[in-house]
C-alpha atoms as a PDB file:
ATOM      1  CA  MET A   1     244.457  83.753 165.106  1.00  0.00           C
ATOM      2  CA  ALA A   2     243.551  80.064 164.876  1.00  0.00           C
ATOM      3  CA  LYS A   3     245.978  77.787 163.117  1.00  0.00           C
ATOM      4  CA  THR A   4     244.733  76.312 159.879  1.00  0.00           C
ATOM      5  CA  LYS A   5     245.350  72.668 159.065  1.00  0.00           C
ATOM      6  CA  PRO A   6     245.658  71.261 155.536  1.00  0.00           C
ATOM      7  CA  SER A   7     242.478  69.254 156.113  1.00  0.00           C
ATOM      8  CA  ASP A   8     240.563  72.520 156.720  1.00  0.00           C
ATOM      9  CA  VAL A   9     241.402  73.802 153.228  1.00  0.00           C
ATOM     10  CA  PRO A  10     239.237  72.784 150.248  1.00  0.00           C
ATOM     11  CA  LEU A  11     240.952  70.927 147.439  1.00  0.00           C
ATOM     12  CA  PRO A  12     242.191  73.327 144.757  1.00  0.00           C
ATOM     13  CA  PRO A  13     240.643  73.261 141.270  1.00  0.00           C
ATOM     14  CA  ALA A  14     242.328  70.838 138.872  1.00  0.00           C
ATOM     15  CA  ASP A  15     243.389  73.664 136.549  1.00  0.00           C
ATOM     16  CA  GLU A  16     245.119  75.683 139.299  1.00  0.00           C
ATOM     17  CA  GLU A  17     248.866  75.851 138.522  1.00  0.00           C
ATOM     18  CA  ASN A  18     250.167  77.499 141.690  1.00  0.00           C
ATOM     19  CA  LEU A  19     249.239  76.097 145.082  1.00  0.00           C
ATOM     20  CA  THR A  20     249.606  77.499 148.575  1.00  0.00           C
ATOM     21  CA  ARG A  21     251.437  75.474 151.228  1.00  0.00           C
ATOM     22  CA  LEU A  22     248.166  74.265 152.697  1.00  0.00           C
ATOM     23  CA  GLU A  23     246.673  73.342 149.311  1.00  0.00           C
ATOM     24  CA  ALA A  24     249.850  71.475 148.351  1.00  0.00           C
ATOM     25  CA  CYS A  25     249.868  69.560 151.626  1.00  0.00           C
ATOM     26  CA  ARG A  26     246.203  68.662 151.251  1.00  0.00           C
ATOM     27  CA  LEU A  27     246.691  67.496 147.677  1.00  0.00           C
ATOM     28  CA  ALA A  28     249.857  65.504 148.438  1.00  0.00           C
ATOM     29  CA  ARG A  29     248.441  64.186 151.738  1.00  0.00           C
ATOM     30  CA  ILE A  30     251.477  65.317 153.697  1.00  0.00           C
ATOM     31  CA  GLY A  31     251.791  67.491 156.769  1.00  0.00           C
ATOM     32  CA  LEU A  32     253.235  70.981 156.965  1.00  0.00           C
ATOM     33  CA  THR A  33     256.356  69.695 158.731  1.00  0.00           C
ATOM     34  CA  THR A  34     257.052  67.244 155.884  1.00  0.00           C
ATOM     35  CA  PHE A  35     256.465  70.018 153.343  1.00  0.00           C
ATOM     36  CA  ASP A  36     258.835  72.387 155.157  1.00  0.00           C
ATOM     37  CA  LYS A  37     261.513  69.664 155.472  1.00  0.00           C
ATOM     38  CA  ALA A  38     261.292  68.957 151.741  1.00  0.00           C
ATOM     39  CA  VAL A  39     261.779  72.662 151.001  1.00  0.00           C
ATOM     40  CA  ARG A  40     264.718  72.896 153.420  1.00  0.00           C
ATOM     41  CA  ASN A  41     266.342  69.778 151.915  1.00  0.00           C
ATOM     42  CA  LYS A  42     265.806  71.179 148.402  1.00  0.00           C
ATOM     43  CA  GLN A  43     263.566  68.273 147.422  1.00  0.00           C
ATOM     44  CA  LEU A  44     260.759  70.705 146.643  1.00  0.00           C
ATOM     45  CA  THR A  45     261.147  74.089 144.948  1.00  0.00           C
ATOM     46  CA  VAL A  46     258.831  76.894 146.025  1.00  0.00           C
ATOM     47  CA  GLN A  47     258.285  80.506 145.033  1.00  0.00           C
ATOM     48  CA  ARG A  48     258.188  83.218 147.667  1.00  0.00           C
ATOM     49  CA  THR A  49     256.387  86.527 147.279  1.00  0.00           C
ATOM     50  CA  GLY A  50     256.846  88.385 150.513  1.00  0.00           C
ATOM     51  CA  ARG A  51     255.585  85.974 153.152  1.00  0.00           C
ATOM     52  CA  ARG A  52     253.449  83.989 150.710  1.00  0.00           C
ATOM     53  CA  VAL A  53     254.846  80.595 149.691  1.00  0.00           C
ATOM     54  CA  THR A  54     253.512  78.831 146.605  1.00  0.00           C
ATOM     55  CA  VAL A  55     254.512  75.700 144.762  1.00  0.00           C
ATOM     56  CA  ARG A  56     253.795  74.815 141.152  1.00  0.00           C
ATOM     57  CA  ARG A  57     251.553  71.781 140.688  1.00  0.00           C
ATOM     58  CA  VAL A  58     254.074  70.117 138.331  1.00  0.00           C
ATOM     59  CA  GLU A  59     256.784  70.559 140.978  1.00  0.00           C
ATOM     60  CA  LEU A  60     254.552  68.941 143.616  1.00  0.00           C
ATOM     61  CA  GLU A  61     253.850  66.017 141.273  1.00  0.00           C
ATOM     62  CA  ARG A  62     257.599  65.614 140.616  1.00  0.00           C
ATOM     63  CA  PHE A  63     258.212  65.586 144.372  1.00  0.00           C
ATOM     64  CA  GLN A  64     255.529  62.945 144.890  1.00  0.00           C
ATOM     65  CA  ARG A  65     256.940  60.689 142.148  1.00  0.00           C
ATOM     66  CA  GLY A  66     260.377  60.875 143.774  1.00  0.00           C
ATOM     67  CA  ASN A  67     259.019  59.955 147.193  1.00  0.00           C
ATOM     68  CA  ALA A  68     256.582  57.211 146.228  1.00  0.00           C
END
């Protein structure tokens, strides 16, 4: 299975509340490693459903404001 990069994922619709890891990275212009570090350091709160990881758009915006 080929690895997917954030740049390979289309931008999510503006009204989408929950974003996948890749969508969030694409929107925030950060890499997966930075995203995962932020989750580990509790700077970014995510929801997990099985193996699927999603982040709320408002949470991503809060994270971006804190790291600007």
